[in-house]
Protein backbone atom coordinates (compact mmCIF):
# COMPACT_ATOMS: atom_id res chain seq x y z
CA MET A 1 10.32 -50.00 88.42
CA GLU A 2 9.59 -52.41 85.57
CA PHE A 3 9.54 -49.42 83.23
CA LEU A 4 13.27 -48.79 83.85
CA SER A 5 14.31 -52.25 82.72
CA ALA A 6 11.99 -52.06 79.70
CA LEU A 7 12.83 -48.49 78.66
CA TRP A 8 16.49 -48.04 79.60
CA LEU A 9 17.52 -47.79 75.94
CA PRO A 10 15.14 -44.95 74.93
CA ILE A 11 16.00 -43.17 78.20
CA LEU A 12 19.73 -43.17 77.44
CA VAL A 13 19.45 -42.61 73.68
CA SER A 14 17.01 -39.71 74.12
CA ALA A 15 19.32 -38.12 76.72
CA ALA A 16 22.32 -38.40 74.39
CA LEU A 17 20.37 -37.04 71.41
CA VAL A 18 18.96 -34.14 73.44
CA TRP A 19 22.48 -33.37 74.67
CA VAL A 20 23.63 -33.13 71.04
CA ALA A 21 20.55 -31.07 70.12
CA SER A 22 21.33 -28.72 73.01
CA PHE A 23 24.85 -28.24 71.67
CA LEU A 24 23.49 -27.51 68.20
CA CYS A 25 20.89 -25.04 69.53
CA HIS A 26 23.44 -23.14 71.60
CA MET A 27 26.60 -23.34 69.50
CA VAL A 28 25.62 -23.81 65.85
CA LEU A 29 22.13 -22.42 65.22
CA PRO A 30 21.53 -18.66 65.62
CA ILE A 31 18.72 -19.18 68.17
CA HIS A 32 20.73 -17.86 71.13
CA LYS A 33 22.99 -15.44 69.29
CA GLY A 34 23.08 -12.07 71.01
CA GLU A 35 21.52 -13.20 74.29
CA TRP A 36 24.58 -12.19 76.29
CA ARG A 37 26.46 -8.91 76.16
CA GLY A 38 29.39 -7.50 78.05
CA LEU A 39 28.88 -4.62 80.44
CA PRO A 40 30.05 -1.19 79.32
CA ASP A 41 33.44 -0.53 80.92
CA GLU A 42 33.61 -4.12 82.11
CA GLY A 43 36.90 -3.59 83.93
CA ARG A 44 35.39 -1.03 86.31
CA ALA A 45 32.32 -3.22 86.85
CA LEU A 46 34.51 -6.24 87.67
CA ASP A 47 36.59 -4.14 90.08
CA ALA A 48 33.42 -2.88 91.79
CA LEU A 49 32.05 -6.42 92.16
CA GLY A 50 35.37 -8.00 93.12
CA GLY A 51 34.57 -8.38 96.82
CA VAL A 52 30.98 -9.56 96.40
CA ALA A 53 30.37 -13.07 97.74
CA PRO A 54 28.87 -15.67 95.39
CA GLY A 55 25.08 -15.59 95.41
CA ASN A 56 21.94 -14.08 93.90
CA TYR A 57 21.44 -10.34 94.13
CA MET A 58 18.60 -7.99 93.24
CA MET A 59 18.95 -4.29 92.57
CA PRO A 60 17.70 -2.20 94.01
CA PHE A 61 17.19 -4.51 96.96
CA GLY A 62 14.52 -3.84 99.53
CA THR A 63 12.33 -5.53 102.10
CA MET A 64 8.54 -5.49 101.91
CA ALA A 65 8.58 -2.49 104.26
CA ASP A 66 11.08 -0.69 102.00
CA MET A 67 8.72 -1.07 99.05
CA LYS A 68 6.37 1.45 100.70
CA ASP A 69 9.10 4.01 101.33
CA PRO A 70 8.90 6.86 98.76
CA ALA A 71 12.71 7.02 98.53
CA PHE A 72 12.86 3.33 97.62
CA VAL A 73 9.99 3.70 95.13
CA GLU A 74 11.91 6.54 93.49
CA LYS A 75 15.06 4.39 93.37
CA MET A 76 13.03 1.67 91.61
CA LYS A 77 11.68 4.17 89.09
CA ARG A 78 15.12 5.63 88.43
CA GLY A 79 16.73 2.23 87.83
CA PRO A 80 18.56 0.31 86.75
CA ASN A 81 16.59 -2.69 88.00
CA GLY A 82 17.80 -6.23 87.67
CA THR A 83 19.30 -9.33 89.12
CA LEU A 84 22.91 -10.41 89.33
CA ILE A 85 24.32 -13.87 89.90
CA ILE A 86 27.90 -14.13 91.16
CA TRP A 87 29.35 -17.60 90.62
CA PRO A 88 31.75 -19.22 93.10
CA GLY A 89 34.53 -19.41 90.51
CA PRO A 90 35.18 -19.94 86.83
CA VAL A 91 32.89 -22.09 84.71
CA ASP A 92 33.86 -25.77 84.70
CA MET A 93 32.64 -26.84 81.25
CA GLY A 94 33.32 -30.54 81.80
CA ARG A 95 31.33 -30.59 85.04
CA ASN A 96 28.46 -28.64 83.50
CA LEU A 97 28.30 -30.85 80.40
CA ILE A 98 28.19 -34.02 82.53
CA LEU A 99 25.53 -32.58 84.85
CA THR A 100 23.47 -31.49 81.85
CA LEU A 101 23.59 -35.03 80.43
CA LEU A 102 22.55 -36.41 83.83
CA ALA A 103 19.63 -33.96 83.92
CA TYR A 104 18.52 -35.19 80.49
CA ILE A 105 18.72 -38.79 81.75
CA VAL A 106 16.50 -37.87 84.72
CA ILE A 107 14.02 -36.21 82.35
CA GLY A 108 14.10 -39.37 80.22
CA ILE A 109 13.30 -41.46 83.30
CA PHE A 110 10.23 -39.34 84.05
CA VAL A 111 9.13 -39.42 80.40
CA ALA A 112 9.51 -43.21 80.49
CA TYR A 113 7.44 -43.40 83.67
CA VAL A 114 4.59 -41.36 82.17
CA ALA A 115 4.63 -43.20 78.84
CA TRP A 116 4.88 -46.64 80.44
CA HIS A 117 1.83 -45.99 82.61
CA ALA A 118 -0.08 -44.46 79.71
CA PHE A 119 0.20 -47.73 77.77
CA MET A 120 -0.11 -50.29 80.58
CA GLY A 121 0.24 -53.66 78.87
CA GLU A 122 -0.58 -52.34 75.40
CA ASN A 123 1.60 -52.44 72.32
CA PRO A 124 1.30 -48.82 71.14
CA MET A 125 2.06 -47.55 67.67
CA TYR A 126 4.99 -45.18 67.06
CA LEU A 127 2.82 -42.06 66.86
CA GLU A 128 1.02 -42.88 70.13
CA VAL A 129 4.34 -43.15 71.97
CA PHE A 130 5.60 -40.04 70.17
CA ARG A 131 2.62 -37.95 71.39
CA ILE A 132 2.80 -39.04 75.04
CA ALA A 133 6.60 -38.93 75.29
CA GLY A 134 6.76 -35.60 73.45
CA GLY A 135 4.13 -34.00 75.66
CA ALA A 136 5.81 -35.20 78.85
CA ALA A 137 9.23 -34.09 77.57
CA PHE A 138 7.94 -30.62 76.65
CA MET A 139 6.54 -30.20 80.15
CA ALA A 140 9.91 -31.17 81.60
CA HIS A 141 12.06 -29.08 79.26
CA GLY A 142 9.91 -26.00 78.87
CA LEU A 143 6.97 -25.20 81.09
CA ALA A 144 8.90 -24.26 84.23
CA LEU A 145 10.72 -21.63 82.20
CA ILE A 146 7.54 -19.61 81.63
CA PRO A 147 7.09 -18.38 85.24
CA HIS A 148 10.86 -18.00 85.52
CA SER A 149 10.89 -15.66 82.52
CA ILE A 150 7.95 -13.69 83.95
CA TRP A 151 9.76 -13.00 87.22
CA TYR A 152 13.38 -12.75 86.13
CA ARG A 153 12.98 -11.40 82.58
CA GLY A 154 16.51 -12.24 81.47
CA MET A 155 15.76 -14.94 78.94
CA ARG A 156 14.15 -14.71 75.55
CA LEU A 157 11.20 -17.00 76.26
CA TRP A 158 10.59 -17.86 72.62
CA ALA A 159 14.16 -19.15 72.27
CA VAL A 160 14.11 -21.42 75.31
CA LEU A 161 10.64 -22.73 74.40
CA LEU A 162 11.93 -23.46 70.89
CA ASP A 163 14.80 -25.38 72.51
CA ALA A 164 12.24 -27.26 74.63
CA LEU A 165 10.20 -28.10 71.54
CA ILE A 166 13.28 -29.40 69.72
CA TYR A 167 14.35 -31.48 72.74
CA SER A 168 10.81 -32.82 73.08
CA LEU A 169 10.63 -33.88 69.44
CA VAL A 170 14.01 -35.60 69.74
CA THR A 171 12.87 -37.38 72.92
CA ALA A 172 9.54 -38.37 71.36
CA GLY A 173 11.30 -39.75 68.30
CA ALA A 174 13.73 -41.80 70.37
CA PHE A 175 10.96 -43.25 72.54
CA GLY A 176 8.74 -44.02 69.54
CA TRP A 177 11.62 -45.64 67.67
CA LEU A 178 12.98 -47.69 70.59
CA TRP A 179 9.73 -48.59 72.38
CA PRO A 180 9.81 -52.33 73.15
CA THR A 181 7.40 -54.49 71.16
């Protein structure tokens, strides 16, 4: 746990900077513009879904046995196919922003752990810290999204991987800059 006392500043600064970068990527830059659309005749769709309990849904839904049934196969071919997430209430922006910052702090802790053990007792140069911290941060911010995009298809993979790259560069810069000498 020595790494936490030595690297608390780059952990917190990188989390704050990534949080700001996330805001810029989602609210200012055009990276995510057009990712979300409203349903046609949204009022009817909302009325139809009004009694659905919060949770994750797949359509058409079927068991493994159903997947062999010709009627189900036809339903899959006919479409539409997709997933639907029903939230348990309205979005709480304050809660989500705080939890996002906490997630970035946790990522910073793991980046610090990897970087600290990569340089055991050494006094690395800025670029050495940048490479290790950036690589670890990219794994944390981006790689899990690849299989998710394969299975759930909803995201534009290039956009979230670009976000991950930006967050990783910000993290790498903070760790390189604030690494204790």
